[in-house]
Amino acid sequence: MKTLLVVHHSPSPATHELLDAVLAGAHDPEIEGVEIIAVPALAATVPDVLGADGYIFGTTANFGYMSGALKYFFDTTYYQCLGAVSERPYGLWVHGNNDTAGAVSSVRALATGLGLVPVAEPLEVIVPVDKNVREQCYELGGTVAATVMG
């Protein structure tokens, strides 16, 4: 069985709603043989990363950057995973009140450094979470999970 690791920082009701929609998409009934593991960014470990076949990262945009929690995740796993996770797929969602560009750019830089391959455009959410946003999150989760499935 393949594994999709969802590493997230979802402290607010809005970001938790995004996470729920991403996970729903990853669990789409048409996707088989993929175990979905969601881990808060402060709890994700090197074995989690090394044991996964693909990744979805979710974060708030804080002061023009990814959340401190997601940054901590990358700080504590990056060098131990460098060279071991190349070519694995990933997706990203970012929620911000007015700007998500810096957060997207910072996650992209780290993912590129790890050799991860984006399989969907980053989902940048600066509007209230509504049906359209939830559908986009569902699609992101489904796309990454389907890619992991093969």
N, C-alpha and C. Protein backbone atom coordinates (compact mmCIF):
# COMPACT_ATOMS: atom_id res chain seq x y z
N MET A 1 0.84 -1.18 0.00
CA MET A 1 0.00 0.00 0.00
C MET A 1 0.89 1.25 0.00
N LYS A 2 0.48 2.24 -0.75
CA LYS A 2 1.20 3.51 -0.82
C LYS A 2 0.70 4.43 0.31
N THR A 3 1.50 5.43 0.63
CA THR A 3 1.16 6.35 1.72
C THR A 3 1.26 7.79 1.26
N LEU A 4 0.23 8.57 1.57
CA LEU A 4 0.21 10.01 1.35
C LEU A 4 0.25 10.67 2.72
N LEU A 5 1.29 11.48 2.94
CA LEU A 5 1.45 12.19 4.21
C LEU A 5 0.95 13.62 4.04
N VAL A 6 0.02 14.01 4.88
CA VAL A 6 -0.51 15.37 4.88
C VAL A 6 0.03 16.07 6.13
N VAL A 7 0.95 16.99 5.91
CA VAL A 7 1.56 17.75 7.01
C VAL A 7 0.91 19.12 7.00
N HIS A 8 0.32 19.51 8.13
CA HIS A 8 -0.48 20.73 8.13
C HIS A 8 -0.32 21.52 9.42
N HIS A 9 -0.58 22.81 9.29
CA HIS A 9 -0.77 23.69 10.44
C HIS A 9 -2.12 24.34 10.21
N SER A 10 -3.10 23.90 10.97
CA SER A 10 -4.47 24.36 10.75
C SER A 10 -5.08 24.81 12.08
N PRO A 11 -4.62 25.97 12.59
CA PRO A 11 -5.05 26.41 13.92
C PRO A 11 -6.43 27.08 13.97
N SER A 12 -6.94 27.53 12.86
CA SER A 12 -8.21 28.27 12.87
C SER A 12 -9.32 27.40 12.28
N PRO A 13 -10.57 27.78 12.55
CA PRO A 13 -11.67 27.04 11.93
C PRO A 13 -11.57 27.03 10.40
N ALA A 14 -11.15 28.14 9.79
CA ALA A 14 -11.05 28.20 8.33
C ALA A 14 -9.99 27.24 7.82
N THR A 15 -8.82 27.23 8.44
CA THR A 15 -7.76 26.33 7.95
C THR A 15 -8.10 24.87 8.23
N HIS A 16 -8.82 24.63 9.32
CA HIS A 16 -9.23 23.25 9.58
C HIS A 16 -10.26 22.79 8.55
N GLU A 17 -11.11 23.71 8.12
CA GLU A 17 -12.08 23.39 7.07
C GLU A 17 -11.38 23.03 5.76
N LEU A 18 -10.30 23.76 5.45
CA LEU A 18 -9.51 23.44 4.26
C LEU A 18 -8.90 22.05 4.39
N LEU A 19 -8.32 21.77 5.54
CA LEU A 19 -7.74 20.45 5.78
C LEU A 19 -8.78 19.36 5.60
N ASP A 20 -9.96 19.54 6.17
CA ASP A 20 -11.01 18.53 6.03
C ASP A 20 -11.37 18.27 4.57
N ALA A 21 -11.43 19.33 3.78
CA ALA A 21 -11.77 19.17 2.36
C ALA A 21 -10.64 18.48 1.59
N VAL A 22 -9.40 18.81 1.91
CA VAL A 22 -8.25 18.14 1.27
C VAL A 22 -8.28 16.64 1.61
N LEU A 23 -8.52 16.33 2.87
CA LEU A 23 -8.56 14.92 3.28
C LEU A 23 -9.73 14.19 2.63
N ALA A 24 -10.85 14.85 2.49
CA ALA A 24 -12.00 14.22 1.81
C ALA A 24 -11.63 13.88 0.37
N GLY A 25 -10.96 14.79 -0.31
CA GLY A 25 -10.53 14.52 -1.68
C GLY A 25 -9.53 13.38 -1.76
N ALA A 26 -8.61 13.34 -0.81
CA ALA A 26 -7.62 12.27 -0.80
C ALA A 26 -8.28 10.91 -0.54
N HIS A 27 -9.41 10.92 0.17
CA HIS A 27 -10.16 9.69 0.44
C HIS A 27 -11.25 9.41 -0.59
N ASP A 28 -11.21 10.08 -1.73
CA ASP A 28 -12.22 9.87 -2.77
C ASP A 28 -12.37 8.36 -3.02
N PRO A 29 -13.59 7.87 -3.17
CA PRO A 29 -13.82 6.44 -3.35
C PRO A 29 -13.11 5.83 -4.57
N GLU A 30 -12.78 6.64 -5.56
CA GLU A 30 -12.10 6.11 -6.75
C GLU A 30 -10.61 5.88 -6.51
N ILE A 31 -10.09 6.37 -5.40
CA ILE A 31 -8.67 6.21 -5.08
C ILE A 31 -8.53 5.00 -4.17
N GLU A 32 -7.74 4.05 -4.62
CA GLU A 32 -7.57 2.80 -3.87
C GLU A 32 -6.10 2.56 -3.61
N GLY A 33 -5.83 1.86 -2.53
CA GLY A 33 -4.47 1.45 -2.23
C GLY A 33 -3.57 2.56 -1.72
N VAL A 34 -4.17 3.65 -1.21
CA VAL A 34 -3.39 4.75 -0.67
C VAL A 34 -3.86 5.02 0.76
N GLU A 35 -2.95 4.88 1.69
CA GLU A 35 -3.23 5.22 3.08
C GLU A 35 -2.94 6.71 3.26
N ILE A 36 -3.88 7.42 3.85
CA ILE A 36 -3.74 8.85 4.08
C ILE A 36 -3.41 9.06 5.55
N ILE A 37 -2.28 9.70 5.80
CA ILE A 37 -1.86 9.99 7.17
C ILE A 37 -1.75 11.50 7.32
N ALA A 38 -2.57 12.08 8.18
CA ALA A 38 -2.53 13.51 8.44
C ALA A 38 -1.85 13.74 9.79
N VAL A 39 -0.82 14.59 9.77
CA VAL A 39 -0.03 14.84 10.97
C VAL A 39 0.17 16.34 11.12
N PRO A 40 -0.13 16.89 12.31
CA PRO A 40 0.18 18.30 12.52
C PRO A 40 1.67 18.55 12.32
N ALA A 41 2.00 19.72 11.79
CA ALA A 41 3.38 20.03 11.44
C ALA A 41 4.34 19.89 12.62
N LEU A 42 3.89 20.22 13.81
CA LEU A 42 4.77 20.13 14.98
C LEU A 42 5.01 18.69 15.44
N ALA A 43 4.24 17.75 14.91
CA ALA A 43 4.37 16.35 15.31
C ALA A 43 4.97 15.46 14.23
N ALA A 44 5.09 15.96 13.01
CA ALA A 44 5.61 15.14 11.90
C ALA A 44 7.10 14.90 12.07
N THR A 45 7.53 13.68 11.74
CA THR A 45 8.91 13.28 11.97
C THR A 45 9.59 12.78 10.70
N VAL A 46 10.89 12.59 10.80
CA VAL A 46 11.66 12.05 9.68
C VAL A 46 11.10 10.71 9.22
N PRO A 47 10.82 9.75 10.12
CA PRO A 47 10.23 8.49 9.65
C PRO A 47 8.90 8.67 8.91
N ASP A 48 8.10 9.65 9.32
CA ASP A 48 6.85 9.94 8.60
C ASP A 48 7.16 10.31 7.15
N VAL A 49 8.14 11.20 6.97
CA VAL A 49 8.48 11.68 5.63
C VAL A 49 9.09 10.56 4.80
N LEU A 50 10.02 9.84 5.37
CA LEU A 50 10.70 8.77 4.62
C LEU A 50 9.74 7.64 4.27
N GLY A 51 8.71 7.43 5.09
CA GLY A 51 7.76 6.35 4.85
C GLY A 51 6.64 6.69 3.89
N ALA A 52 6.61 7.93 3.42
CA ALA A 52 5.52 8.36 2.54
C ALA A 52 5.95 8.34 1.08
N ASP A 53 4.96 8.14 0.22
CA ASP A 53 5.18 8.14 -1.23
C ASP A 53 4.81 9.46 -1.87
N GLY A 54 4.17 10.34 -1.12
CA GLY A 54 3.78 11.65 -1.60
C GLY A 54 3.34 12.50 -0.43
N TYR A 55 3.16 13.81 -0.68
CA TYR A 55 2.93 14.75 0.41
C TYR A 55 1.95 15.83 0.00
N ILE A 56 1.20 16.29 0.98
CA ILE A 56 0.45 17.53 0.86
C ILE A 56 0.83 18.37 2.07
N PHE A 57 1.21 19.61 1.80
CA PHE A 57 1.55 20.54 2.86
C PHE A 57 0.46 21.60 2.94
N GLY A 58 0.04 21.92 4.15
CA GLY A 58 -0.97 22.95 4.36
C GLY A 58 -0.51 23.90 5.45
N THR A 59 -0.69 25.19 5.20
CA THR A 59 -0.20 26.17 6.17
C THR A 59 -0.98 27.46 6.09
N THR A 60 -0.89 28.21 7.15
CA THR A 60 -1.34 29.59 7.12
C THR A 60 -0.19 30.43 6.57
N ALA A 61 -0.53 31.60 6.08
CA ALA A 61 0.49 32.57 5.66
C ALA A 61 0.62 33.57 6.81
N ASN A 62 1.81 33.61 7.39
CA ASN A 62 2.04 34.46 8.56
C ASN A 62 3.16 35.44 8.28
N PHE A 63 2.83 36.72 8.25
CA PHE A 63 3.84 37.76 8.05
C PHE A 63 4.66 37.53 6.79
N GLY A 64 3.98 37.10 5.72
CA GLY A 64 4.64 36.90 4.44
C GLY A 64 5.42 35.61 4.33
N TYR A 65 5.17 34.63 5.21
CA TYR A 65 5.93 33.39 5.21
C TYR A 65 5.01 32.25 5.61
N MET A 66 5.50 31.02 5.50
CA MET A 66 4.74 29.88 5.99
C MET A 66 4.64 29.98 7.51
N SER A 67 3.76 29.20 8.09
CA SER A 67 3.62 29.21 9.55
C SER A 67 4.92 28.73 10.21
N GLY A 68 5.13 29.18 11.42
CA GLY A 68 6.29 28.72 12.18
C GLY A 68 6.27 27.22 12.39
N ALA A 69 5.08 26.66 12.52
CA ALA A 69 4.96 25.22 12.71
C ALA A 69 5.45 24.45 11.49
N LEU A 70 5.04 24.88 10.29
CA LEU A 70 5.51 24.18 9.09
C LEU A 70 7.00 24.41 8.88
N LYS A 71 7.47 25.60 9.20
CA LYS A 71 8.91 25.87 9.11
C LYS A 71 9.67 24.94 10.05
N TYR A 72 9.16 24.74 11.25
CA TYR A 72 9.78 23.81 12.20
C TYR A 72 9.83 22.40 11.61
N PHE A 73 8.74 21.98 10.97
CA PHE A 73 8.72 20.66 10.33
C PHE A 73 9.87 20.54 9.33
N PHE A 74 10.00 21.52 8.45
CA PHE A 74 11.08 21.46 7.47
C PHE A 74 12.45 21.55 8.14
N ASP A 75 12.59 22.38 9.16
CA ASP A 75 13.86 22.50 9.87
C ASP A 75 14.30 21.17 10.47
N THR A 76 13.35 20.40 10.97
CA THR A 76 13.71 19.16 11.68
C THR A 76 13.76 17.93 10.79
N THR A 77 13.33 18.05 9.54
CA THR A 77 13.33 16.86 8.66
C THR A 77 14.18 17.02 7.41
N TYR A 78 14.45 18.24 7.01
CA TYR A 78 15.04 18.53 5.70
C TYR A 78 16.33 17.75 5.43
N TYR A 79 17.34 17.94 6.22
CA TYR A 79 18.64 17.35 5.91
C TYR A 79 18.65 15.83 6.03
N GLN A 80 17.84 15.29 6.92
CA GLN A 80 17.78 13.83 7.06
C GLN A 80 17.01 13.18 5.91
N CYS A 81 16.20 13.97 5.20
CA CYS A 81 15.42 13.43 4.08
C CYS A 81 16.01 13.81 2.73
N LEU A 82 16.96 14.71 2.73
CA LEU A 82 17.58 15.19 1.50
C LEU A 82 18.20 14.02 0.74
N GLY A 83 17.83 13.88 -0.51
CA GLY A 83 18.33 12.80 -1.35
C GLY A 83 17.53 11.51 -1.25
N ALA A 84 16.66 11.42 -0.24
CA ALA A 84 15.90 10.18 -0.05
C ALA A 84 14.46 10.28 -0.57
N VAL A 85 13.98 11.49 -0.85
CA VAL A 85 12.59 11.65 -1.25
C VAL A 85 12.44 12.28 -2.63
N SER A 86 13.52 12.39 -3.34
CA SER A 86 13.49 13.01 -4.67
C SER A 86 12.47 12.33 -5.58
N GLU A 87 11.84 13.14 -6.40
CA GLU A 87 10.88 12.70 -7.41
C GLU A 87 9.53 12.29 -6.84
N ARG A 88 9.32 12.44 -5.55
CA ARG A 88 8.01 12.13 -4.98
C ARG A 88 7.09 13.33 -5.20
N PRO A 89 5.79 13.08 -5.40
CA PRO A 89 4.85 14.16 -5.69
C PRO A 89 4.42 14.91 -4.42
N TYR A 90 4.06 16.18 -4.64
CA TYR A 90 3.51 16.95 -3.53
C TYR A 90 2.50 17.97 -4.04
N GLY A 91 1.68 18.42 -3.10
CA GLY A 91 0.73 19.51 -3.32
C GLY A 91 0.78 20.45 -2.13
N LEU A 92 0.21 21.63 -2.28
CA LEU A 92 0.30 22.66 -1.25
C LEU A 92 -0.98 23.50 -1.22
N TRP A 93 -1.46 23.79 -0.01
CA TRP A 93 -2.50 24.80 0.17
C TRP A 93 -2.04 25.78 1.23
N VAL A 94 -2.37 27.05 0.99
CA VAL A 94 -2.00 28.13 1.90
C VAL A 94 -3.20 29.03 2.13
N HIS A 95 -3.46 29.35 3.38
CA HIS A 95 -4.55 30.26 3.72
C HIS A 95 -3.97 31.52 4.33
N GLY A 96 -4.38 32.67 3.81
CA GLY A 96 -3.93 33.94 4.35
C GLY A 96 -5.04 34.96 4.30
N ASN A 97 -4.90 36.00 5.09
CA ASN A 97 -5.92 37.04 5.11
C ASN A 97 -5.80 38.00 3.94
N ASN A 98 -4.57 38.21 3.44
CA ASN A 98 -4.44 39.14 2.33
C ASN A 98 -3.31 38.81 1.36
N ASP A 99 -2.38 37.94 1.72
CA ASP A 99 -1.28 37.63 0.82
C ASP A 99 -0.72 36.26 1.17
N THR A 100 -0.54 35.44 0.17
CA THR A 100 0.00 34.09 0.38
C THR A 100 1.29 33.85 -0.40
N ALA A 101 1.72 34.83 -1.18
CA ALA A 101 2.85 34.63 -2.10
C ALA A 101 4.14 34.22 -1.39
N GLY A 102 4.46 34.87 -0.28
CA GLY A 102 5.69 34.54 0.43
C GLY A 102 5.66 33.13 1.01
N ALA A 103 4.51 32.74 1.52
CA ALA A 103 4.39 31.38 2.07
C ALA A 103 4.53 30.34 0.96
N VAL A 104 3.88 30.58 -0.17
CA VAL A 104 3.99 29.66 -1.30
C VAL A 104 5.44 29.57 -1.77
N SER A 105 6.07 30.70 -1.92
CA SER A 105 7.45 30.73 -2.40
C SER A 105 8.39 29.98 -1.45
N SER A 106 8.21 30.16 -0.16
CA SER A 106 9.10 29.50 0.79
C SER A 106 8.92 27.98 0.81
N VAL A 107 7.69 27.52 0.73
CA VAL A 107 7.45 26.07 0.69
C VAL A 107 7.98 25.50 -0.62
N ARG A 108 7.71 26.19 -1.72
CA ARG A 108 8.23 25.73 -3.02
C ARG A 108 9.75 25.58 -3.00
N ALA A 109 10.44 26.54 -2.41
CA ALA A 109 11.91 26.49 -2.37
C ALA A 109 12.39 25.26 -1.60
N LEU A 110 11.77 24.96 -0.49
CA LEU A 110 12.17 23.79 0.29
C LEU A 110 11.81 22.49 -0.43
N ALA A 111 10.62 22.45 -1.01
CA ALA A 111 10.21 21.25 -1.76
C ALA A 111 11.13 21.02 -2.95
N THR A 112 11.50 22.08 -3.64
CA THR A 112 12.43 21.97 -4.77
C THR A 112 13.79 21.46 -4.29
N GLY A 113 14.23 21.99 -3.17
CA GLY A 113 15.50 21.52 -2.60
C GLY A 113 15.48 20.05 -2.28
N LEU A 114 14.34 19.55 -1.84
CA LEU A 114 14.21 18.12 -1.54
C LEU A 114 14.03 17.28 -2.80
N GLY A 115 13.81 17.93 -3.92
CA GLY A 115 13.60 17.21 -5.17
C GLY A 115 12.18 16.74 -5.37
N LEU A 116 11.23 17.30 -4.59
CA LEU A 116 9.83 16.92 -4.74
C LEU A 116 9.27 17.52 -6.03
N VAL A 117 8.24 16.86 -6.55
CA VAL A 117 7.65 17.27 -7.82
C VAL A 117 6.22 17.76 -7.58
N PRO A 118 5.92 19.02 -7.91
CA PRO A 118 4.54 19.49 -7.73
C PRO A 118 3.63 18.83 -8.76
N VAL A 119 2.47 18.35 -8.31
CA VAL A 119 1.53 17.71 -9.23
C VAL A 119 0.25 18.53 -9.38
N ALA A 120 0.22 19.68 -8.73
CA ALA A 120 -0.90 20.61 -8.85
C ALA A 120 -0.37 22.00 -8.50
N GLU A 121 -1.02 23.00 -9.04
CA GLU A 121 -0.67 24.36 -8.67
C GLU A 121 -0.99 24.57 -7.19
N PRO A 122 -0.18 25.33 -6.48
CA PRO A 122 -0.52 25.61 -5.08
C PRO A 122 -1.90 26.28 -4.98
N LEU A 123 -2.65 25.86 -4.01
CA LEU A 123 -3.97 26.45 -3.78
C LEU A 123 -3.80 27.58 -2.77
N GLU A 124 -3.99 28.80 -3.23
CA GLU A 124 -3.84 29.99 -2.40
C GLU A 124 -5.21 30.53 -2.07
N VAL A 125 -5.55 30.55 -0.80
CA VAL A 125 -6.88 30.95 -0.35
C VAL A 125 -6.78 32.23 0.46
N ILE A 126 -7.33 33.31 -0.08
CA ILE A 126 -7.40 34.58 0.65
C ILE A 126 -8.84 35.09 0.74
N VAL A 127 -9.74 34.27 0.33
CA VAL A 127 -11.17 34.60 0.41
C VAL A 127 -11.79 33.73 1.49
N PRO A 128 -12.99 34.08 1.94
CA PRO A 128 -13.66 33.19 2.90
C PRO A 128 -13.84 31.79 2.31
N VAL A 129 -13.78 30.81 3.17
CA VAL A 129 -13.95 29.42 2.73
C VAL A 129 -15.42 29.22 2.37
N ASP A 130 -15.64 28.88 1.10
CA ASP A 130 -16.99 28.63 0.61
C ASP A 130 -16.98 27.32 -0.18
N LYS A 131 -18.09 27.04 -0.82
CA LYS A 131 -18.23 25.79 -1.57
C LYS A 131 -17.15 25.67 -2.65
N ASN A 132 -16.85 26.74 -3.37
CA ASN A 132 -15.84 26.71 -4.42
C ASN A 132 -14.46 26.39 -3.85
N VAL A 133 -14.11 27.01 -2.75
CA VAL A 133 -12.81 26.75 -2.12
C VAL A 133 -12.74 25.31 -1.63
N ARG A 134 -13.81 24.85 -1.01
CA ARG A 134 -13.83 23.44 -0.55
C ARG A 134 -13.67 22.48 -1.72
N GLU A 135 -14.30 22.78 -2.86
CA GLU A 135 -14.16 21.93 -4.05
C GLU A 135 -12.72 21.94 -4.56
N GLN A 136 -12.07 23.09 -4.54
CA GLN A 136 -10.67 23.17 -4.96
C GLN A 136 -9.77 22.37 -4.03
N CYS A 137 -10.06 22.42 -2.74
CA CYS A 137 -9.28 21.62 -1.78
C CYS A 137 -9.51 20.13 -2.01
N TYR A 138 -10.76 19.76 -2.25
CA TYR A 138 -11.08 18.36 -2.54
C TYR A 138 -10.29 17.90 -3.76
N GLU A 139 -10.27 18.73 -4.79
CA GLU A 139 -9.54 18.41 -6.02
C GLU A 139 -8.04 18.26 -5.74
N LEU A 140 -7.48 19.15 -4.93
CA LEU A 140 -6.06 19.05 -4.58
C LEU A 140 -5.76 17.73 -3.89
N GLY A 141 -6.55 17.39 -2.88
CA GLY A 141 -6.35 16.12 -2.19
C GLY A 141 -6.48 14.93 -3.12
N GLY A 142 -7.49 14.95 -3.97
CA GLY A 142 -7.70 13.87 -4.92
C GLY A 142 -6.59 13.75 -5.94
N THR A 143 -6.13 14.88 -6.43
CA THR A 143 -5.05 14.87 -7.43
C THR A 143 -3.77 14.26 -6.89
N VAL A 144 -3.38 14.70 -5.70
CA VAL A 144 -2.13 14.18 -5.13
C VAL A 144 -2.29 12.70 -4.77
N ALA A 145 -3.42 12.33 -4.18
CA ALA A 145 -3.64 10.93 -3.83
C ALA A 145 -3.68 10.03 -5.07
N ALA A 146 -4.33 10.50 -6.14
CA ALA A 146 -4.37 9.72 -7.38
C ALA A 146 -2.98 9.57 -7.98
N THR A 147 -2.17 10.61 -7.87
CA THR A 147 -0.80 10.52 -8.38
C THR A 147 -0.01 9.50 -7.58
N VAL A 148 -0.17 9.51 -6.28
CA VAL A 148 0.50 8.52 -5.43
C VAL A 148 0.04 7.11 -5.78
N MET A 149 -1.28 6.97 -6.04
CA MET A 149 -1.83 5.67 -6.38
C MET A 149 -1.19 5.13 -7.65
N GLY A 150 -0.86 6.05 -8.56
CA GLY A 150 -0.24 5.61 -9.82
C GLY A 150 -1.23 5.45 -10.86
